[in-house]
Amino acid sequence: MDQVRVHYASESGRVRKAVDGVSLELAPGEWISIVGANGSGKSTLAGLLIGFTPLSGGERKASSELVVRGVLQQPDAQVLGDTIEEEFHFALSSLLESTDEQLRRRDHALHTVGLEHPPEAAISMLSGGQKQLLNIAVALAAKPDVLILDEPTAMLDPGARDRMEAVVQTIVQQGTAVIWITHHLEEATLCDRIIAMEQGRCVYDGAPAAFFYGREKEGTTAEAGKERQQPSPCEMLGLAPPFTVQTALLLKRKGLLHHSTPLRPEQLVKEVALW
């Protein structure tokens, strides 16, 4: 995307800039988390990436051969069929001529997300979380080059959330590019890159560690604690860092960890064990 914009006319006559001049280049196998406060433009950006939302300006560049699939925040918004079987048929019939391959992909995708329901099951009987898993499974069955996930775990229990993280780790290793939009910052600690949105604009695009900890200046160990008084991009946006990061920052203020930047609990345990 090159300087894309989505502007709406409000009732007051003013222009609301939902997305305002955002550029984004995505590489195969890259995992990007898009974060920001409510109303910052995250979901509008998801709509642009999927191709659902029309542009007010700028350009969305994608090869016609590129398979792009997305999962929206509201699962009912993209359900087309009455049954699980119909949903997969609508999604895969234009991609695959082989019925056997369609069935194989359907069964594999349902197993991958942990949705153990018969194909003839009515979608209306599924819970919100189960519908979300179905939408994710349908997207995975298409074997997309780019997968956009807008708050994919919002309706899922902790076990299903962990499964989703593992699924995404697997598909990015296979070359799928993933854009994961979330307000749960713990979910952003596994990605390669974080993009932070504020009032429709991209205000950070870089490594997760620098987003949560800031960029420490070169200095002595004695100076490290003072340098850490500089707020991180995460803090400047008014977002609460993951609990692991909060704990590490507390230890840094006490003179421990110094230049370590653990993002996951297992990383923090390893760092603390060295002291």
Protein backbone atom coordinates (compact mmCIF):
# COMPACT_ATOMS: atom_id res chain seq x y z
CA MET A 1 0.00 0.00 0.00
CA ASP A 2 1.28 3.43 -0.93
CA GLN A 3 -0.02 6.48 0.98
CA VAL A 4 -3.52 5.00 1.30
CA ARG A 5 -6.32 7.14 2.70
CA VAL A 6 -9.88 6.48 3.82
CA HIS A 7 -11.82 9.66 4.59
CA TYR A 8 -15.48 9.89 5.59
CA ALA A 9 -17.80 12.88 5.71
CA SER A 10 -19.32 13.23 9.19
CA GLU A 11 -22.73 14.66 10.05
CA SER A 12 -21.07 17.86 11.22
CA GLY A 13 -19.64 18.36 7.74
CA ARG A 14 -16.08 17.65 8.85
CA VAL A 15 -13.93 14.96 7.27
CA ARG A 16 -13.08 11.99 9.48
CA LYS A 17 -9.71 10.53 8.51
CA ALA A 18 -10.01 6.83 9.37
CA VAL A 19 -6.73 6.06 7.58
CA ASP A 20 -4.54 8.93 6.52
CA GLY A 21 -1.45 8.36 4.39
CA VAL A 22 -0.32 4.87 5.44
CA SER A 23 2.27 2.97 3.40
CA LEU A 24 3.04 -0.70 3.92
CA GLU A 25 5.19 -3.24 2.13
CA LEU A 26 4.77 -6.89 3.09
CA ALA A 27 7.29 -9.68 2.51
CA PRO A 28 6.53 -13.42 2.15
CA GLY A 29 6.58 -15.20 5.50
CA GLU A 30 6.48 -11.94 7.47
CA TRP A 31 4.32 -11.65 10.60
CA ILE A 32 3.17 -8.11 11.36
CA SER A 33 1.07 -7.09 14.35
CA ILE A 34 -0.96 -3.90 14.02
CA VAL A 35 -1.77 -2.28 17.36
CA GLY A 36 -3.34 0.92 18.62
CA ALA A 37 -6.17 2.29 20.72
CA ASN A 38 -9.82 1.91 19.74
CA GLY A 39 -10.60 4.19 16.80
CA SER A 40 -6.98 4.42 15.67
CA GLY A 41 -7.76 2.93 12.25
CA LYS A 42 -6.75 -0.71 12.73
CA SER A 43 -9.94 -2.31 11.42
CA THR A 44 -10.22 0.13 8.52
CA LEU A 45 -6.68 -0.83 7.57
CA ALA A 46 -7.73 -4.50 7.69
CA GLY A 47 -10.56 -3.76 5.27
CA LEU A 48 -8.14 -2.05 2.90
CA LEU A 49 -5.71 -4.96 3.02
CA ILE A 50 -8.44 -7.51 2.30
CA GLY A 51 -9.89 -5.30 -0.43
CA PHE A 52 -13.29 -4.73 1.19
CA THR A 53 -12.86 -1.01 1.90
CA PRO A 54 -12.65 1.46 -1.01
CA LEU A 55 -9.78 3.93 -1.10
CA SER A 56 -10.20 7.70 -0.84
CA GLY A 57 -6.65 8.09 -2.09
CA GLY A 58 -3.33 6.32 -2.50
CA GLU A 59 -2.81 2.91 -4.06
CA ARG A 60 -3.22 -0.73 -3.09
CA LYS A 61 -0.80 -2.83 -5.12
CA ALA A 62 -1.26 -6.59 -5.32
CA SER A 63 -0.59 -9.12 -8.05
CA SER A 64 -3.72 -10.72 -9.51
CA GLU A 65 -2.23 -14.12 -8.66
CA LEU A 66 -1.85 -13.22 -4.99
CA VAL A 67 -4.32 -15.11 -2.78
CA VAL A 68 -5.41 -12.79 0.03
CA ARG A 69 -7.81 -13.95 2.74
CA GLY A 70 -9.03 -12.21 5.86
CA VAL A 71 -10.96 -12.86 9.04
CA LEU A 72 -13.00 -9.93 10.32
CA GLN A 73 -13.66 -8.97 13.92
CA GLN A 74 -17.38 -9.82 13.69
CA PRO A 75 -17.68 -13.47 12.58
CA ASP A 76 -21.26 -13.16 11.28
CA ALA A 77 -20.22 -10.41 8.86
CA GLN A 78 -18.57 -12.84 6.43
CA VAL A 79 -20.63 -16.02 6.75
CA LEU A 80 -22.23 -16.95 3.42
CA GLY A 81 -23.46 -20.52 3.82
CA ASP A 82 -26.03 -22.16 6.06
CA THR A 83 -23.79 -25.11 6.94
CA ILE A 84 -20.07 -25.67 7.45
CA GLU A 85 -19.98 -27.66 4.20
CA GLU A 86 -21.56 -24.81 2.22
CA GLU A 87 -19.16 -22.26 3.70
CA PHE A 88 -16.13 -24.21 2.48
CA HIS A 89 -17.75 -24.83 -0.90
CA PHE A 90 -18.30 -21.11 -1.49
CA ALA A 91 -14.71 -20.36 -0.47
CA LEU A 92 -12.89 -23.13 -2.36
CA SER A 93 -14.92 -23.90 -5.50
CA SER A 94 -13.40 -20.97 -7.40
CA LEU A 95 -9.88 -22.02 -6.38
CA LEU A 96 -10.01 -25.79 -6.80
CA GLU A 97 -11.65 -27.95 -9.44
CA SER A 98 -11.03 -31.19 -7.56
CA THR A 99 -13.83 -32.01 -5.13
CA ASP A 100 -11.56 -34.45 -3.31
CA GLU A 101 -8.98 -31.71 -2.74
CA GLN A 102 -11.68 -29.37 -1.45
CA LEU A 103 -12.81 -32.00 1.06
CA ARG A 104 -9.23 -32.75 2.10
CA ARG A 105 -8.49 -29.08 2.74
CA ARG A 106 -11.78 -28.63 4.60
CA ASP A 107 -11.14 -31.51 6.97
CA HIS A 108 -7.51 -30.51 7.55
CA ALA A 109 -8.42 -26.87 8.26
CA LEU A 110 -11.18 -27.79 10.72
CA HIS A 111 -8.80 -30.12 12.55
CA THR A 112 -6.07 -27.45 12.58
CA VAL A 113 -8.24 -24.90 14.40
CA GLY A 114 -9.80 -27.53 16.68
CA LEU A 115 -13.37 -27.24 15.39
CA GLU A 116 -14.68 -30.80 15.62
CA HIS A 117 -18.12 -30.43 14.03
CA PRO A 118 -19.64 -32.46 11.18
CA PRO A 119 -19.74 -30.69 7.80
CA GLU A 120 -23.55 -30.71 7.76
CA ALA A 121 -23.72 -28.77 11.05
CA ALA A 122 -25.73 -25.54 10.82
CA ILE A 123 -23.61 -22.44 11.31
CA SER A 124 -26.47 -20.77 13.18
CA MET A 125 -26.01 -23.33 15.97
CA LEU A 126 -22.36 -22.39 16.53
CA SER A 127 -21.23 -20.02 19.28
CA GLY A 128 -19.47 -16.76 18.44
CA GLY A 129 -16.09 -18.31 19.15
CA GLN A 130 -16.88 -21.36 17.02
CA LYS A 131 -17.94 -19.12 14.13
CA GLN A 132 -14.65 -17.30 14.46
CA LEU A 133 -12.77 -20.60 14.31
CA LEU A 134 -14.80 -21.55 11.23
CA ASN A 135 -13.88 -18.30 9.48
CA ILE A 136 -10.22 -18.88 10.30
CA ALA A 137 -10.42 -22.46 9.03
CA VAL A 138 -12.03 -21.33 5.76
CA ALA A 139 -9.27 -18.75 5.27
CA LEU A 140 -6.55 -21.33 5.99
CA ALA A 141 -8.09 -23.84 3.57
CA ALA A 142 -7.46 -21.39 0.71
CA LYS A 143 -3.70 -21.58 1.50
CA PRO A 144 -3.39 -17.80 1.16
CA ASP A 145 -0.23 -15.91 0.33
CA VAL A 146 -1.44 -13.18 2.70
CA LEU A 147 -3.69 -13.75 5.72
CA ILE A 148 -5.23 -10.77 7.53
CA LEU A 149 -6.63 -11.46 11.00
CA ASP A 150 -8.62 -8.69 12.68
CA GLU A 151 -8.90 -9.48 16.42
CA PRO A 152 -8.99 -13.23 15.62
CA THR A 153 -8.96 -14.35 19.27
CA ALA A 154 -11.54 -11.89 20.64
CA MET A 155 -14.13 -14.63 21.21
CA LEU A 156 -11.76 -17.51 21.93
CA ASP A 157 -10.82 -19.15 25.22
CA PRO A 158 -7.13 -19.24 26.32
CA GLY A 159 -6.59 -22.73 24.89
CA ALA A 160 -7.91 -21.73 21.48
CA ARG A 161 -5.80 -18.56 21.58
CA ASP A 162 -2.66 -20.60 22.17
CA ARG A 163 -3.64 -22.89 19.29
CA MET A 164 -4.07 -19.89 16.99
CA GLU A 165 -0.63 -18.55 17.84
CA ALA A 166 0.86 -21.97 17.06
CA VAL A 167 -1.04 -22.16 13.76
CA VAL A 168 0.23 -18.75 12.68
CA GLN A 169 3.80 -19.63 13.64
CA THR A 170 3.53 -22.68 11.39
CA ILE A 171 2.08 -20.95 8.33
CA VAL A 172 4.57 -18.07 8.41
CA GLN A 173 7.35 -20.65 8.40
CA GLN A 174 5.72 -22.03 5.24
CA GLY A 175 5.84 -18.61 3.57
CA THR A 176 2.43 -17.10 4.28
CA ALA A 177 2.55 -13.43 5.24
CA VAL A 178 0.32 -12.68 8.24
CA ILE A 179 -1.08 -9.38 9.47
CA TRP A 180 -2.52 -9.81 12.97
CA ILE A 181 -4.56 -6.87 14.28
CA THR A 182 -4.99 -6.92 18.04
CA HIS A 183 -5.49 -4.88 21.20
CA HIS A 184 -4.08 -7.78 23.29
CA LEU A 185 -0.43 -6.76 23.23
CA GLU A 186 0.66 -10.17 24.55
CA GLU A 187 -0.30 -11.48 21.11
CA ALA A 188 2.08 -9.02 19.46
CA THR A 189 5.18 -10.43 21.15
CA LEU A 190 5.64 -13.29 18.66
CA CYS A 191 5.61 -11.20 15.49
CA ASP A 192 8.54 -9.97 13.39
CA ARG A 193 7.32 -6.39 13.21
CA ILE A 194 4.86 -4.07 14.93
CA ILE A 195 2.94 -1.27 13.26
CA ALA A 196 1.25 1.14 15.67
CA MET A 197 -1.67 3.30 14.56
CA GLU A 198 -2.86 6.58 16.07
CA GLN A 199 -5.65 8.74 14.61
CA GLY A 200 -5.41 6.98 11.25
CA ARG A 201 -1.67 7.34 10.86
CA CYS A 202 1.25 4.95 11.29
CA VAL A 203 3.32 6.25 14.20
CA TYR A 204 5.63 3.26 14.66
CA ASP A 205 6.92 0.58 12.29
CA GLY A 206 9.69 -1.58 13.63
CA ALA A 207 10.89 -4.33 15.94
CA PRO A 208 8.71 -5.49 18.87
CA ALA A 209 11.52 -5.08 21.44
CA ALA A 210 12.06 -1.41 20.53
CA PHE A 211 8.30 -0.80 20.62
CA PHE A 212 7.93 -2.14 24.16
CA TYR A 213 11.27 -1.07 25.65
CA GLY A 214 12.38 1.86 23.56
CA ARG A 215 15.87 2.16 22.16
CA GLU A 216 18.40 2.33 24.97
CA LYS A 217 21.39 4.57 24.36
CA GLU A 218 24.86 3.21 24.61
CA GLY A 219 26.20 3.69 28.10
CA THR A 220 27.55 2.08 31.22
CA THR A 221 25.56 -0.29 33.41
CA ALA A 222 25.19 2.48 35.99
CA GLU A 223 23.62 4.72 33.37
CA ALA A 224 21.21 2.06 32.06
CA GLY A 225 18.54 2.71 34.69
CA LYS A 226 18.56 6.46 34.01
CA GLU A 227 18.34 5.96 30.25
CA ARG A 228 15.30 3.73 30.76
CA GLN A 229 13.35 6.72 32.09
CA GLN A 230 12.65 7.58 28.44
CA PRO A 231 9.14 6.28 27.63
CA SER A 232 8.81 3.56 25.01
CA PRO A 233 6.62 4.00 21.90
CA CYS A 234 4.11 1.67 23.58
CA GLU A 235 3.92 3.89 26.67
CA MET A 236 3.78 7.09 24.61
CA LEU A 237 0.63 5.73 22.93
CA GLY A 238 -0.95 5.09 26.32
CA LEU A 239 -1.00 1.31 25.80
CA ALA A 240 -0.32 -1.15 28.62
CA PRO A 241 2.71 -3.37 27.86
CA PRO A 242 2.37 -7.14 28.28
CA PHE A 243 2.80 -8.40 31.84
CA THR A 244 6.19 -9.91 30.96
CA VAL A 245 7.45 -6.52 29.78
CA GLN A 246 6.00 -4.75 32.83
CA THR A 247 7.84 -7.19 35.10
CA ALA A 248 11.11 -6.77 33.21
CA LEU A 249 10.83 -2.97 33.39
CA LEU A 250 10.32 -3.18 37.14
CA LEU A 251 13.46 -5.34 37.44
CA LYS A 252 15.39 -2.88 35.29
CA ARG A 253 14.45 -0.05 37.63
CA LYS A 254 15.93 -2.12 40.42
CA GLY A 255 19.21 -2.45 38.52
CA LEU A 256 18.62 -5.92 37.05
CA LEU A 257 18.45 -7.26 33.48
CA HIS A 258 20.00 -4.04 32.12
CA HIS A 259 19.98 -4.41 28.30
CA SER A 260 17.80 -7.54 28.16
CA THR A 261 14.42 -7.14 26.45
CA PRO A 262 12.34 -10.29 27.13
CA LEU A 263 8.93 -10.35 25.44
CA ARG A 264 7.61 -13.79 26.41
CA PRO A 265 7.37 -15.35 29.91
CA GLU A 266 9.84 -18.11 29.01
CA GLN A 267 12.36 -15.48 27.89
CA LEU A 268 12.01 -13.60 31.17
CA VAL A 269 12.49 -16.79 33.19
CA LYS A 270 15.67 -17.53 31.25
CA GLU A 271 17.04 -14.01 31.81
CA VAL A 272 16.24 -14.02 35.54
CA ALA A 273 17.85 -17.44 35.94
CA LEU A 274 21.17 -15.96 34.80
CA TRP A 275 21.29 -13.62 37.79
